[in-house]
Amino acid sequence: MPGLATTSPLSRSHEKGNGGGAVLEALRIRDFRLLWFARLVSMLGSWLLVVAVPAYLFTLTGSLVATGLTLAAEFLPPVLLGPIAGVLVGRWDRPCLRRRVAGIRP
């Protein structure tokens, strides 16, 4: 298309040989910074919940067994279902799957 740059800021920093420069160059883009910060806040909230629920359960019950079972219940489904989901996803149309997952993800 006329008027559009043929190289992105990231590709130019790669040509200079700056390995870490590409990350710093990407952080100069406002939308990328906003996306990165939103993801950081989301992950922080998720991990705080991973810590808070078992800690709260331990304060309520005082039971290490109940706390351990809570952690197991939280991490067991991805461990068991992850390999099966990986096989299924490998067989499906990826762009279509990406749109569907983006529509249902909170």
N, C-alpha and C. Protein backbone atom coordinates (compact mmCIF):
# COMPACT_ATOMS: atom_id res chain seq x y z
N MET A 1 0.84 -1.18 0.00
CA MET A 1 0.00 0.00 0.00
C MET A 1 0.89 1.24 0.00
N PRO A 2 0.54 2.21 -0.76
CA PRO A 2 1.36 3.43 -0.79
C PRO A 2 1.22 4.19 0.52
N GLY A 3 2.31 4.77 0.95
CA GLY A 3 2.29 5.60 2.15
C GLY A 3 2.57 4.86 3.44
N LEU A 4 2.61 3.53 3.39
CA LEU A 4 2.88 2.75 4.59
C LEU A 4 4.35 2.35 4.62
N ALA A 5 4.91 2.35 5.79
CA ALA A 5 6.30 1.94 5.95
C ALA A 5 6.42 0.45 5.68
N THR A 6 7.53 0.07 5.05
CA THR A 6 7.72 -1.34 4.72
C THR A 6 8.34 -2.12 5.87
N THR A 7 8.94 -1.42 6.82
CA THR A 7 9.53 -2.12 7.97
C THR A 7 8.95 -1.54 9.24
N SER A 8 8.80 -2.38 10.23
CA SER A 8 8.29 -1.93 11.52
C SER A 8 9.45 -1.48 12.39
N PRO A 9 9.17 -0.74 13.46
CA PRO A 9 10.24 -0.35 14.38
C PRO A 9 10.97 -1.56 14.95
N LEU A 10 10.25 -2.67 15.12
CA LEU A 10 10.89 -3.85 15.67
C LEU A 10 11.89 -4.44 14.70
N SER A 11 11.55 -4.45 13.42
CA SER A 11 12.48 -5.04 12.47
C SER A 11 13.71 -4.15 12.30
N ARG A 12 13.55 -2.84 12.42
CA ARG A 12 14.71 -1.95 12.31
C ARG A 12 15.66 -2.14 13.47
N SER A 13 15.12 -2.33 14.69
CA SER A 13 16.01 -2.52 15.83
C SER A 13 16.71 -3.87 15.74
N HIS A 14 16.07 -4.85 15.09
CA HIS A 14 16.70 -6.15 14.92
C HIS A 14 17.87 -6.04 13.95
N GLU A 15 17.73 -5.19 12.92
CA GLU A 15 18.80 -5.01 11.95
C GLU A 15 20.03 -4.39 12.59
N LYS A 16 19.85 -3.58 13.61
CA LYS A 16 20.97 -2.95 14.28
C LYS A 16 21.75 -3.94 15.13
N GLY A 17 21.18 -5.10 15.40
CA GLY A 17 21.85 -6.10 16.21
C GLY A 17 21.59 -5.95 17.69
N ASN A 18 20.59 -5.14 18.05
CA ASN A 18 20.23 -4.99 19.46
C ASN A 18 19.25 -6.09 19.83
N GLY A 19 19.73 -7.09 20.55
CA GLY A 19 18.84 -8.17 20.95
C GLY A 19 17.76 -7.68 21.90
N GLY A 20 18.14 -6.96 22.96
CA GLY A 20 17.18 -6.44 23.91
C GLY A 20 16.55 -5.14 23.46
N GLY A 21 17.08 -4.55 22.41
CA GLY A 21 16.54 -3.29 21.91
C GLY A 21 15.14 -3.43 21.34
N ALA A 22 14.82 -4.60 20.84
CA ALA A 22 13.49 -4.81 20.27
C ALA A 22 12.41 -4.69 21.33
N VAL A 23 12.70 -5.17 22.53
CA VAL A 23 11.73 -5.07 23.62
C VAL A 23 11.54 -3.62 24.01
N LEU A 24 12.62 -2.90 24.15
CA LEU A 24 12.51 -1.49 24.51
C LEU A 24 11.83 -0.70 23.41
N GLU A 25 12.09 -1.05 22.18
CA GLU A 25 11.44 -0.38 21.05
C GLU A 25 9.94 -0.65 21.07
N ALA A 26 9.55 -1.88 21.39
CA ALA A 26 8.13 -2.23 21.43
C ALA A 26 7.42 -1.47 22.55
N LEU A 27 8.11 -1.24 23.67
CA LEU A 27 7.49 -0.52 24.78
C LEU A 27 7.26 0.96 24.47
N ARG A 28 7.84 1.45 23.40
CA ARG A 28 7.58 2.84 22.99
C ARG A 28 6.24 2.99 22.29
N ILE A 29 5.65 1.88 21.89
CA ILE A 29 4.35 1.90 21.22
C ILE A 29 3.26 1.89 22.30
N ARG A 30 2.44 2.93 22.32
CA ARG A 30 1.45 3.12 23.39
C ARG A 30 0.50 1.95 23.52
N ASP A 31 -0.05 1.47 22.41
CA ASP A 31 -1.01 0.37 22.48
C ASP A 31 -0.37 -0.90 23.03
N PHE A 32 0.89 -1.14 22.67
CA PHE A 32 1.57 -2.32 23.21
C PHE A 32 1.79 -2.18 24.72
N ARG A 33 2.15 -0.97 25.17
CA ARG A 33 2.32 -0.75 26.61
C ARG A 33 1.02 -0.99 27.35
N LEU A 34 -0.09 -0.50 26.81
CA LEU A 34 -1.38 -0.71 27.45
C LEU A 34 -1.75 -2.20 27.49
N LEU A 35 -1.52 -2.89 26.40
CA LEU A 35 -1.80 -4.32 26.35
C LEU A 35 -0.92 -5.06 27.35
N TRP A 36 0.35 -4.75 27.40
CA TRP A 36 1.29 -5.40 28.32
C TRP A 36 0.90 -5.14 29.77
N PHE A 37 0.55 -3.91 30.08
CA PHE A 37 0.18 -3.56 31.44
C PHE A 37 -1.13 -4.26 31.85
N ALA A 38 -2.10 -4.32 30.94
CA ALA A 38 -3.36 -4.99 31.24
C ALA A 38 -3.13 -6.47 31.49
N ARG A 39 -2.28 -7.09 30.70
CA ARG A 39 -1.97 -8.50 30.91
C ARG A 39 -1.25 -8.71 32.24
N LEU A 40 -0.35 -7.80 32.58
CA LEU A 40 0.36 -7.88 33.85
C LEU A 40 -0.61 -7.81 35.03
N VAL A 41 -1.56 -6.88 34.98
CA VAL A 41 -2.54 -6.74 36.05
C VAL A 41 -3.42 -7.99 36.12
N SER A 42 -3.81 -8.52 34.96
CA SER A 42 -4.63 -9.73 34.94
C SER A 42 -3.91 -10.92 35.55
N MET A 43 -2.66 -11.11 35.18
CA MET A 43 -1.89 -12.23 35.72
C MET A 43 -1.64 -12.06 37.22
N LEU A 44 -1.39 -10.83 37.65
CA LEU A 44 -1.19 -10.58 39.07
C LEU A 44 -2.45 -10.93 39.86
N GLY A 45 -3.60 -10.54 39.35
CA GLY A 45 -4.86 -10.87 40.00
C GLY A 45 -5.11 -12.37 40.06
N SER A 46 -4.79 -13.06 38.98
CA SER A 46 -4.97 -14.51 38.96
C SER A 46 -4.08 -15.19 39.98
N TRP A 47 -2.83 -14.78 40.07
CA TRP A 47 -1.92 -15.42 41.01
C TRP A 47 -2.21 -15.03 42.46
N LEU A 48 -2.73 -13.84 42.66
CA LEU A 48 -3.15 -13.48 44.02
C LEU A 48 -4.30 -14.37 44.47
N LEU A 49 -5.19 -14.71 43.55
CA LEU A 49 -6.29 -15.61 43.87
C LEU A 49 -5.77 -17.02 44.17
N VAL A 50 -4.75 -17.46 43.43
CA VAL A 50 -4.16 -18.78 43.68
C VAL A 50 -3.59 -18.84 45.10
N VAL A 51 -3.04 -17.74 45.58
CA VAL A 51 -2.48 -17.71 46.92
C VAL A 51 -3.56 -17.45 47.97
N ALA A 52 -4.50 -16.57 47.67
CA ALA A 52 -5.48 -16.13 48.67
C ALA A 52 -6.49 -17.22 49.04
N VAL A 53 -6.97 -17.97 48.07
CA VAL A 53 -7.99 -18.98 48.38
C VAL A 53 -7.47 -20.05 49.33
N PRO A 54 -6.32 -20.68 49.03
CA PRO A 54 -5.81 -21.66 50.00
C PRO A 54 -5.45 -21.03 51.35
N ALA A 55 -4.91 -19.82 51.36
CA ALA A 55 -4.58 -19.17 52.63
C ALA A 55 -5.84 -18.90 53.44
N TYR A 56 -6.89 -18.46 52.78
CA TYR A 56 -8.15 -18.22 53.47
C TYR A 56 -8.74 -19.52 54.00
N LEU A 57 -8.68 -20.57 53.19
CA LEU A 57 -9.17 -21.86 53.63
C LEU A 57 -8.39 -22.36 54.84
N PHE A 58 -7.07 -22.14 54.83
CA PHE A 58 -6.26 -22.58 55.97
C PHE A 58 -6.63 -21.80 57.23
N THR A 59 -6.92 -20.49 57.10
CA THR A 59 -7.32 -19.72 58.28
C THR A 59 -8.68 -20.17 58.80
N LEU A 60 -9.57 -20.60 57.91
CA LEU A 60 -10.89 -21.08 58.33
C LEU A 60 -10.82 -22.46 59.00
N THR A 61 -10.06 -23.36 58.38
CA THR A 61 -10.08 -24.75 58.85
C THR A 61 -8.86 -25.13 59.68
N GLY A 62 -7.73 -24.50 59.42
CA GLY A 62 -6.49 -24.89 60.09
C GLY A 62 -5.95 -26.21 59.60
N SER A 63 -6.49 -26.73 58.51
CA SER A 63 -6.11 -28.04 57.99
C SER A 63 -5.18 -27.90 56.79
N LEU A 64 -4.00 -28.49 56.92
CA LEU A 64 -3.09 -28.52 55.78
C LEU A 64 -3.59 -29.44 54.68
N VAL A 65 -4.30 -30.49 55.06
CA VAL A 65 -4.85 -31.41 54.07
C VAL A 65 -5.88 -30.70 53.19
N ALA A 66 -6.78 -29.94 53.80
CA ALA A 66 -7.79 -29.20 53.03
C ALA A 66 -7.12 -28.16 52.14
N THR A 67 -6.09 -27.52 52.64
CA THR A 67 -5.37 -26.53 51.84
C THR A 67 -4.70 -27.20 50.65
N GLY A 68 -4.06 -28.34 50.88
CA GLY A 68 -3.42 -29.08 49.80
C GLY A 68 -4.41 -29.57 48.77
N LEU A 69 -5.57 -30.05 49.23
CA LEU A 69 -6.60 -30.51 48.29
C LEU A 69 -7.15 -29.34 47.46
N THR A 70 -7.22 -28.16 48.07
CA THR A 70 -7.67 -26.99 47.32
C THR A 70 -6.69 -26.66 46.20
N LEU A 71 -5.41 -26.69 46.52
CA LEU A 71 -4.40 -26.43 45.49
C LEU A 71 -4.43 -27.51 44.41
N ALA A 72 -4.59 -28.77 44.82
CA ALA A 72 -4.66 -29.86 43.84
C ALA A 72 -5.89 -29.69 42.94
N ALA A 73 -7.02 -29.32 43.52
CA ALA A 73 -8.23 -29.11 42.73
C ALA A 73 -8.07 -27.97 41.75
N GLU A 74 -7.24 -27.01 42.09
CA GLU A 74 -7.03 -25.87 41.20
C GLU A 74 -6.11 -26.22 40.04
N PHE A 75 -5.09 -27.03 40.29
CA PHE A 75 -4.09 -27.30 39.25
C PHE A 75 -4.27 -28.63 38.54
N LEU A 76 -5.07 -29.53 39.07
CA LEU A 76 -5.23 -30.84 38.47
C LEU A 76 -5.95 -30.81 37.11
N PRO A 77 -7.03 -30.05 36.93
CA PRO A 77 -7.68 -30.06 35.61
C PRO A 77 -6.77 -29.65 34.45
N PRO A 78 -5.97 -28.57 34.56
CA PRO A 78 -5.08 -28.27 33.44
C PRO A 78 -4.04 -29.36 33.18
N VAL A 79 -3.56 -29.98 34.25
CA VAL A 79 -2.56 -31.03 34.08
C VAL A 79 -3.16 -32.26 33.38
N LEU A 80 -4.37 -32.61 33.76
CA LEU A 80 -5.01 -33.80 33.16
C LEU A 80 -5.61 -33.53 31.79
N LEU A 81 -6.22 -32.37 31.63
CA LEU A 81 -6.91 -32.08 30.37
C LEU A 81 -6.02 -31.39 29.33
N GLY A 82 -4.91 -30.84 29.75
CA GLY A 82 -4.01 -30.13 28.83
C GLY A 82 -3.53 -30.98 27.67
N PRO A 83 -3.01 -32.18 27.91
CA PRO A 83 -2.56 -33.00 26.79
C PRO A 83 -3.69 -33.38 25.82
N ILE A 84 -4.85 -33.67 26.36
CA ILE A 84 -5.99 -34.02 25.50
C ILE A 84 -6.40 -32.81 24.66
N ALA A 85 -6.47 -31.65 25.31
CA ALA A 85 -6.83 -30.43 24.58
C ALA A 85 -5.78 -30.10 23.52
N GLY A 86 -4.51 -30.36 23.81
CA GLY A 86 -3.45 -30.11 22.83
C GLY A 86 -3.61 -30.94 21.58
N VAL A 87 -3.98 -32.20 21.75
CA VAL A 87 -4.20 -33.07 20.60
C VAL A 87 -5.39 -32.58 19.78
N LEU A 88 -6.46 -32.22 20.46
CA LEU A 88 -7.66 -31.75 19.73
C LEU A 88 -7.41 -30.44 19.01
N VAL A 89 -6.75 -29.51 19.67
CA VAL A 89 -6.49 -28.20 19.07
C VAL A 89 -5.58 -28.34 17.85
N GLY A 90 -4.67 -29.29 17.90
CA GLY A 90 -3.78 -29.51 16.76
C GLY A 90 -4.52 -29.96 15.51
N ARG A 91 -5.71 -30.48 15.67
CA ARG A 91 -6.50 -30.97 14.53
C ARG A 91 -7.49 -29.94 13.99
N TRP A 92 -7.75 -28.87 14.72
CA TRP A 92 -8.76 -27.89 14.31
C TRP A 92 -8.12 -26.71 13.58
N ASP A 93 -8.98 -25.97 12.90
CA ASP A 93 -8.56 -24.78 12.16
C ASP A 93 -8.18 -23.69 13.16
N ARG A 94 -6.92 -23.28 13.18
CA ARG A 94 -6.44 -22.37 14.21
C ARG A 94 -7.06 -20.97 14.17
N PRO A 95 -7.19 -20.33 13.02
CA PRO A 95 -7.82 -18.99 13.04
C PRO A 95 -9.26 -19.03 13.56
N CYS A 96 -10.01 -20.04 13.17
CA CYS A 96 -11.39 -20.17 13.65
C CYS A 96 -11.41 -20.42 15.15
N LEU A 97 -10.54 -21.29 15.61
CA LEU A 97 -10.45 -21.59 17.04
C LEU A 97 -10.05 -20.36 17.84
N ARG A 98 -9.12 -19.58 17.32
CA ARG A 98 -8.67 -18.37 18.00
C ARG A 98 -9.83 -17.38 18.18
N ARG A 99 -10.65 -17.23 17.16
CA ARG A 99 -11.80 -16.31 17.26
C ARG A 99 -12.80 -16.81 18.29
N ARG A 100 -13.06 -18.10 18.29
CA ARG A 100 -14.03 -18.67 19.25
C ARG A 100 -13.55 -18.54 20.70
N VAL A 101 -12.27 -18.83 20.91
CA VAL A 101 -11.73 -18.73 22.26
C VAL A 101 -11.72 -17.29 22.73
N ALA A 102 -11.39 -16.36 21.85
CA ALA A 102 -11.39 -14.94 22.22
C ALA A 102 -12.79 -14.48 22.58
N GLY A 103 -13.81 -15.10 21.98
CA GLY A 103 -15.18 -14.73 22.28
C GLY A 103 -15.68 -15.22 23.62
N ILE A 104 -15.14 -16.33 24.11
CA ILE A 104 -15.63 -16.88 25.37
C ILE A 104 -14.71 -16.60 26.55
N ARG A 105 -13.51 -16.13 26.29
CA ARG A 105 -12.56 -15.88 27.37
C ARG A 105 -12.96 -14.64 28.14
N PRO A 106 -12.89 -14.69 29.49
CA PRO A 106 -13.30 -13.53 30.28
C PRO A 106 -12.34 -12.37 30.15
